Structure formats: structure tokens, C-alpha cells
């Protein structure tokens, strides 16, 4: 049984989310809500989380470029936080002393795909 979410035109929300995530450039981040909105449903942040959990490996998604609206990593320490931070830092993303990313500087804004 599939729990695939579709929009009013019958398009797959998860497929649209995957396409948005694939377009986040190196050195930039996007928030769960931002991705949901770009995929056509701004209220579907939880579907973004579900899609990341279900498809990151099979779709080779840059999952680590997705953060929360506070500019922080949602994963807990010891449960992926360190890996995500390391991957972001390797692309030049900077964290402040409170483990926050400056969204004004690092949030993906050139949405042209």
C-alpha cells in the first residue's frame, strides 16, 4: 500500500521534493519548509523529512544541505549531526558559536531550475 502524496494535479509531491533537493548547490542550504514550498506544498515539511529518510541513498540526494528554519541541524549529536556538519563545512558553510548557519549568507536563493 502506497502513502504517496500527490498535489491537486496528481503529481507526486515526493518526486517534486527529490528534484528540488537535487538542485541545492554546493555551499548552500535549504530549509524543510522552503523545499516543501518549492515542491508545491508549503505545509509539507514533514513530507520532506519522510522523503529524505526514504530516498536519500537511493536517489543520491545531498541530504546534508537540508536544515531547519532556525538555521540549525535537526539531527541529534551522535545520530548524524556530526556527519552533516562535517559535510556542510567541507563545502564552505560556516557555523557560528551557537551551531547556527547564517541563512542570509548560506540559504539557497537562486531558485532557477
N, C-alpha and C. Protein backbone atom coordinates (compact mmCIF):
# COMPACT_ATOMS: atom_id res chain seq x y z
N UNK A 1 0.84 -1.18 0.00
CA UNK A 1 0.00 0.00 0.00
C UNK A 1 0.88 1.24 0.00
N UNK A 2 0.63 2.15 -0.90
CA UNK A 2 1.43 3.36 -1.03
C UNK A 2 0.77 4.51 -0.28
N UNK A 3 1.60 5.31 0.36
CA UNK A 3 1.09 6.51 1.02
C UNK A 3 1.61 7.75 0.29
N UNK A 4 1.89 7.59 -0.99
CA UNK A 4 2.42 8.66 -1.81
C UNK A 4 1.49 9.87 -1.80
N UNK A 5 2.03 11.02 -1.51
CA UNK A 5 1.27 12.26 -1.52
C UNK A 5 1.27 12.82 -2.94
N UNK A 6 0.12 13.31 -3.38
CA UNK A 6 0.03 13.94 -4.68
C UNK A 6 -0.61 15.31 -4.52
N UNK A 7 -0.32 16.19 -5.48
CA UNK A 7 -0.94 17.51 -5.44
C UNK A 7 -2.28 17.47 -6.18
N UNK A 8 -2.91 18.63 -6.31
CA UNK A 8 -4.23 18.69 -6.93
C UNK A 8 -4.22 18.28 -8.39
N UNK A 9 -3.05 18.26 -9.02
CA UNK A 9 -2.94 17.85 -10.43
C UNK A 9 -2.48 16.40 -10.55
N UNK A 10 -2.38 15.71 -9.42
CA UNK A 10 -1.99 14.31 -9.43
C UNK A 10 -0.50 14.06 -9.49
N UNK A 11 0.30 15.12 -9.36
CA UNK A 11 1.76 14.95 -9.40
C UNK A 11 2.24 14.44 -8.04
N UNK A 12 3.31 13.70 -8.08
CA UNK A 12 3.89 13.15 -6.86
C UNK A 12 4.67 14.23 -6.11
N UNK A 13 4.24 14.52 -4.91
CA UNK A 13 4.94 15.50 -4.09
C UNK A 13 6.35 15.03 -3.76
N UNK A 14 6.51 13.75 -3.45
CA UNK A 14 7.84 13.23 -3.12
C UNK A 14 8.79 13.37 -4.30
N UNK A 15 8.31 13.10 -5.50
CA UNK A 15 9.17 13.25 -6.68
C UNK A 15 9.58 14.71 -6.88
N UNK A 16 8.65 15.62 -6.64
CA UNK A 16 8.98 17.05 -6.75
C UNK A 16 9.97 17.46 -5.67
N UNK A 17 9.80 16.94 -4.46
CA UNK A 17 10.74 17.23 -3.38
C UNK A 17 12.13 16.73 -3.73
N UNK A 18 12.22 15.54 -4.27
CA UNK A 18 13.51 14.98 -4.68
C UNK A 18 14.18 15.88 -5.71
N UNK A 19 13.43 16.36 -6.67
CA UNK A 19 14.01 17.23 -7.71
C UNK A 19 14.52 18.54 -7.10
N UNK A 20 13.78 19.10 -6.16
CA UNK A 20 14.22 20.34 -5.51
C UNK A 20 15.52 20.08 -4.75
N UNK A 21 15.57 19.03 -3.96
CA UNK A 21 16.77 18.73 -3.17
C UNK A 21 17.98 18.51 -4.06
N UNK A 22 17.79 17.85 -5.18
CA UNK A 22 18.90 17.59 -6.11
C UNK A 22 19.50 18.89 -6.66
N UNK A 23 18.75 19.96 -6.63
CA UNK A 23 19.22 21.22 -7.19
C UNK A 23 19.87 22.16 -6.18
N UNK A 24 19.90 21.79 -4.91
CA UNK A 24 20.56 22.66 -3.92
C UNK A 24 22.05 22.64 -4.22
N UNK A 25 22.65 23.79 -4.53
CA UNK A 25 24.06 23.80 -4.91
C UNK A 25 25.02 23.61 -3.73
N UNK A 26 26.22 23.20 -4.07
CA UNK A 26 27.28 23.06 -3.06
C UNK A 26 27.47 24.39 -2.36
N UNK A 27 27.70 24.33 -1.06
CA UNK A 27 27.94 25.53 -0.27
C UNK A 27 26.69 26.28 0.12
N UNK A 28 25.52 25.72 -0.20
CA UNK A 28 24.25 26.35 0.15
C UNK A 28 23.39 25.36 0.92
N UNK A 29 22.40 25.88 1.64
CA UNK A 29 21.46 25.05 2.38
C UNK A 29 20.05 25.49 2.03
N UNK A 30 19.09 24.62 2.30
CA UNK A 30 17.68 24.94 2.15
C UNK A 30 16.95 24.38 3.36
N UNK A 31 15.87 25.02 3.73
CA UNK A 31 15.10 24.55 4.89
C UNK A 31 14.02 23.57 4.43
N UNK A 32 13.53 22.79 5.37
CA UNK A 32 12.46 21.83 5.07
C UNK A 32 11.25 22.54 4.47
N UNK A 33 10.85 23.65 5.08
CA UNK A 33 9.70 24.40 4.61
C UNK A 33 9.93 25.02 3.24
N UNK A 34 11.13 25.51 3.01
CA UNK A 34 11.48 26.07 1.71
C UNK A 34 11.35 25.02 0.62
N UNK A 35 11.86 23.83 0.88
CA UNK A 35 11.78 22.74 -0.09
C UNK A 35 10.32 22.35 -0.34
N UNK A 36 9.54 22.25 0.72
CA UNK A 36 8.13 21.92 0.58
C UNK A 36 7.42 22.95 -0.30
N UNK A 37 7.70 24.21 -0.06
CA UNK A 37 7.08 25.27 -0.86
C UNK A 37 7.48 25.20 -2.32
N UNK A 38 8.76 24.99 -2.57
CA UNK A 38 9.23 24.89 -3.96
C UNK A 38 8.66 23.67 -4.66
N UNK A 39 8.35 22.64 -3.88
CA UNK A 39 7.77 21.42 -4.46
C UNK A 39 6.26 21.56 -4.64
N UNK A 40 5.70 22.67 -4.19
CA UNK A 40 4.29 22.91 -4.44
C UNK A 40 3.36 22.83 -3.25
N UNK A 41 3.89 22.52 -2.05
CA UNK A 41 3.03 22.44 -0.88
C UNK A 41 3.79 22.98 0.34
N UNK A 42 3.65 24.28 0.62
CA UNK A 42 4.41 24.88 1.71
C UNK A 42 4.13 24.30 3.10
N UNK A 43 3.06 23.52 3.23
CA UNK A 43 2.71 22.92 4.51
C UNK A 43 3.22 21.49 4.65
N UNK A 44 4.08 21.07 3.76
CA UNK A 44 4.51 19.66 3.71
C UNK A 44 5.93 19.43 4.22
N UNK A 45 6.35 20.18 5.22
CA UNK A 45 7.71 19.99 5.76
C UNK A 45 7.95 18.55 6.22
N UNK A 46 6.94 17.95 6.82
CA UNK A 46 7.08 16.56 7.29
C UNK A 46 7.24 15.59 6.13
N UNK A 47 6.64 15.90 5.00
CA UNK A 47 6.82 15.05 3.82
C UNK A 47 8.25 15.15 3.32
N UNK A 48 8.86 16.33 3.46
CA UNK A 48 10.27 16.50 3.11
C UNK A 48 11.12 15.59 3.99
N UNK A 49 10.86 15.58 5.28
CA UNK A 49 11.59 14.70 6.21
C UNK A 49 11.41 13.24 5.80
N UNK A 50 10.17 12.84 5.56
CA UNK A 50 9.88 11.47 5.17
C UNK A 50 10.61 11.10 3.87
N UNK A 51 10.57 12.01 2.90
CA UNK A 51 11.23 11.77 1.62
C UNK A 51 12.73 11.63 1.79
N UNK A 52 13.32 12.47 2.61
CA UNK A 52 14.76 12.37 2.87
C UNK A 52 15.09 11.02 3.51
N UNK A 53 14.30 10.61 4.49
CA UNK A 53 14.55 9.32 5.15
C UNK A 53 14.40 8.16 4.19
N UNK A 54 13.43 8.24 3.30
CA UNK A 54 13.13 7.12 2.40
C UNK A 54 14.01 7.10 1.16
N UNK A 55 14.51 8.26 0.73
CA UNK A 55 15.11 8.32 -0.60
C UNK A 55 16.53 8.87 -0.69
N UNK A 56 17.12 9.30 0.41
CA UNK A 56 18.45 9.92 0.33
C UNK A 56 19.48 9.04 -0.35
N UNK A 57 19.52 7.78 0.04
CA UNK A 57 20.53 6.88 -0.54
C UNK A 57 20.15 6.45 -1.94
N UNK A 58 18.92 6.03 -2.15
CA UNK A 58 18.52 5.50 -3.46
C UNK A 58 18.55 6.58 -4.53
N UNK A 59 18.30 7.83 -4.16
CA UNK A 59 18.29 8.93 -5.12
C UNK A 59 19.59 9.74 -5.10
N UNK A 60 20.52 9.33 -4.24
CA UNK A 60 21.81 10.03 -4.10
C UNK A 60 21.60 11.52 -3.84
N UNK A 61 20.76 11.81 -2.85
CA UNK A 61 20.43 13.20 -2.52
C UNK A 61 21.49 13.85 -1.64
N UNK A 62 21.73 15.14 -1.83
CA UNK A 62 22.60 15.88 -0.91
C UNK A 62 21.82 16.24 0.36
N UNK A 63 21.44 15.22 1.09
CA UNK A 63 20.56 15.34 2.27
C UNK A 63 21.10 16.32 3.30
N UNK A 64 22.41 16.40 3.39
CA UNK A 64 23.05 17.21 4.42
C UNK A 64 22.86 18.71 4.18
N UNK A 65 22.40 19.10 3.01
CA UNK A 65 22.16 20.51 2.70
C UNK A 65 20.79 20.98 3.17
N UNK A 66 20.04 20.09 3.79
CA UNK A 66 18.70 20.43 4.28
C UNK A 66 18.76 20.62 5.80
N UNK A 67 18.34 21.80 6.24
CA UNK A 67 18.38 22.14 7.66
C UNK A 67 17.03 22.73 8.07
N UNK A 68 16.90 23.05 9.35
CA UNK A 68 15.63 23.61 9.81
C UNK A 68 15.59 25.13 9.65
N UNK A 69 14.44 25.71 9.89
CA UNK A 69 14.23 27.14 9.67
C UNK A 69 14.98 28.02 10.67
N UNK A 70 15.50 27.42 11.73
CA UNK A 70 16.30 28.16 12.70
C UNK A 70 17.75 28.30 12.26
N UNK A 71 18.09 27.61 11.16
CA UNK A 71 19.47 27.64 10.67
C UNK A 71 20.34 26.62 11.37
N UNK A 72 19.73 25.61 11.94
CA UNK A 72 20.49 24.58 12.64
C UNK A 72 20.20 23.20 12.06
N UNK A 73 21.05 22.27 12.41
CA UNK A 73 20.89 20.88 12.01
C UNK A 73 19.87 20.24 12.95
N UNK A 74 18.92 19.52 12.39
CA UNK A 74 17.89 18.88 13.22
C UNK A 74 18.34 17.56 13.82
N UNK A 75 19.30 16.90 13.20
CA UNK A 75 19.78 15.62 13.72
C UNK A 75 20.46 15.82 15.07
N UNK A 76 20.32 14.84 15.91
CA UNK A 76 20.93 14.89 17.25
C UNK A 76 22.41 14.51 17.17
N UNK A 77 23.16 15.00 18.14
CA UNK A 77 24.57 14.60 18.24
C UNK A 77 24.65 13.10 18.46
N UNK A 78 25.55 12.47 17.74
CA UNK A 78 25.69 11.02 17.83
C UNK A 78 24.71 10.27 16.94
N UNK A 79 23.85 11.00 16.24
CA UNK A 79 22.85 10.37 15.37
C UNK A 79 22.84 11.05 14.00
N UNK A 80 24.00 11.49 13.54
CA UNK A 80 24.12 12.09 12.23
C UNK A 80 24.50 13.56 12.22
N UNK A 81 24.37 14.22 13.37
CA UNK A 81 24.70 15.64 13.45
C UNK A 81 26.13 15.92 12.98
N UNK A 82 27.07 15.16 13.51
CA UNK A 82 28.49 15.41 13.22
C UNK A 82 28.79 15.21 11.73
N UNK A 83 28.22 14.17 11.13
CA UNK A 83 28.44 13.91 9.71
C UNK A 83 27.87 15.05 8.87
N UNK A 84 26.66 15.49 9.20
CA UNK A 84 26.04 16.57 8.44
C UNK A 84 26.86 17.85 8.56
N UNK A 85 27.29 18.16 9.75
CA UNK A 85 28.08 19.38 9.95
C UNK A 85 29.40 19.30 9.18
N UNK A 86 30.06 18.17 9.26
CA UNK A 86 31.33 17.99 8.56
C UNK A 86 31.16 18.16 7.04
N UNK A 87 30.11 17.57 6.50
CA UNK A 87 29.85 17.68 5.06
C UNK A 87 29.56 19.13 4.65
N UNK A 88 28.79 19.83 5.46
CA UNK A 88 28.50 21.23 5.17
C UNK A 88 29.76 22.08 5.26
N UNK A 89 30.54 21.87 6.30
CA UNK A 89 31.77 22.64 6.46
C UNK A 89 32.75 22.37 5.31
N UNK A 90 32.77 21.14 4.81
CA UNK A 90 33.67 20.80 3.70
C UNK A 90 33.29 21.56 2.43
N UNK A 91 32.05 22.04 2.36
CA UNK A 91 31.59 22.83 1.22
C UNK A 91 31.67 24.34 1.49
N UNK A 92 32.21 24.71 2.65
CA UNK A 92 32.39 26.12 2.97
C UNK A 92 31.30 26.75 3.81
N UNK A 93 30.32 25.98 4.25
CA UNK A 93 29.26 26.50 5.10
C UNK A 93 29.84 26.71 6.50
N UNK A 94 29.59 27.88 7.07
CA UNK A 94 30.16 28.26 8.36
C UNK A 94 29.09 28.23 9.44
N UNK A 95 29.46 27.70 10.60
CA UNK A 95 28.60 27.67 11.78
C UNK A 95 29.11 28.69 12.77
N UNK A 96 28.20 29.37 13.47
CA UNK A 96 28.63 30.31 14.50
C UNK A 96 28.83 29.57 15.83
N UNK A 97 29.11 30.32 16.87
CA UNK A 97 29.40 29.72 18.18
C UNK A 97 28.20 29.00 18.78
N UNK A 98 27.00 29.24 18.24
CA UNK A 98 25.78 28.56 18.70
C UNK A 98 25.34 27.44 17.76
N UNK A 99 26.25 27.00 16.89
CA UNK A 99 25.98 25.94 15.91
C UNK A 99 24.91 26.34 14.89
N UNK A 100 24.79 27.63 14.62
CA UNK A 100 23.82 28.12 13.65
C UNK A 100 24.52 28.52 12.35
N UNK A 101 23.77 28.38 11.26
CA UNK A 101 24.22 28.80 9.94
C UNK A 101 23.52 30.11 9.63
N UNK A 102 24.25 31.06 9.11
CA UNK A 102 23.67 32.34 8.72
C UNK A 102 22.87 32.14 7.44
N UNK A 103 21.54 32.09 7.57
CA UNK A 103 20.69 31.84 6.41
C UNK A 103 20.75 32.98 5.40
N UNK A 104 21.03 34.19 5.84
CA UNK A 104 21.15 35.30 4.89
C UNK A 104 22.32 35.07 3.94
N UNK A 105 23.33 34.39 4.43
CA UNK A 105 24.53 34.15 3.61
C UNK A 105 24.49 32.80 2.89
N UNK A 106 24.00 31.75 3.55
CA UNK A 106 24.14 30.41 3.00
C UNK A 106 22.86 29.76 2.48
N UNK A 107 21.70 30.41 2.71
CA UNK A 107 20.47 29.80 2.20
C UNK A 107 20.40 29.96 0.69
N UNK A 108 20.01 28.87 0.04
CA UNK A 108 19.86 28.86 -1.42
C UNK A 108 18.74 29.80 -1.82
N UNK A 109 19.07 30.79 -2.61
CA UNK A 109 18.07 31.78 -3.02
C UNK A 109 17.88 31.84 -4.54
N UNK A 110 18.88 31.41 -5.29
CA UNK A 110 18.79 31.48 -6.75
C UNK A 110 18.05 30.26 -7.26
N UNK A 111 16.75 30.29 -7.16
CA UNK A 111 15.92 29.14 -7.48
C UNK A 111 15.58 29.18 -8.97
N UNK A 112 16.47 28.64 -9.78
CA UNK A 112 16.25 28.68 -11.22
C UNK A 112 16.50 27.29 -11.82
N UNK A 113 15.59 26.39 -11.57
CA UNK A 113 15.74 25.06 -12.15
C UNK A 113 14.47 24.65 -12.86
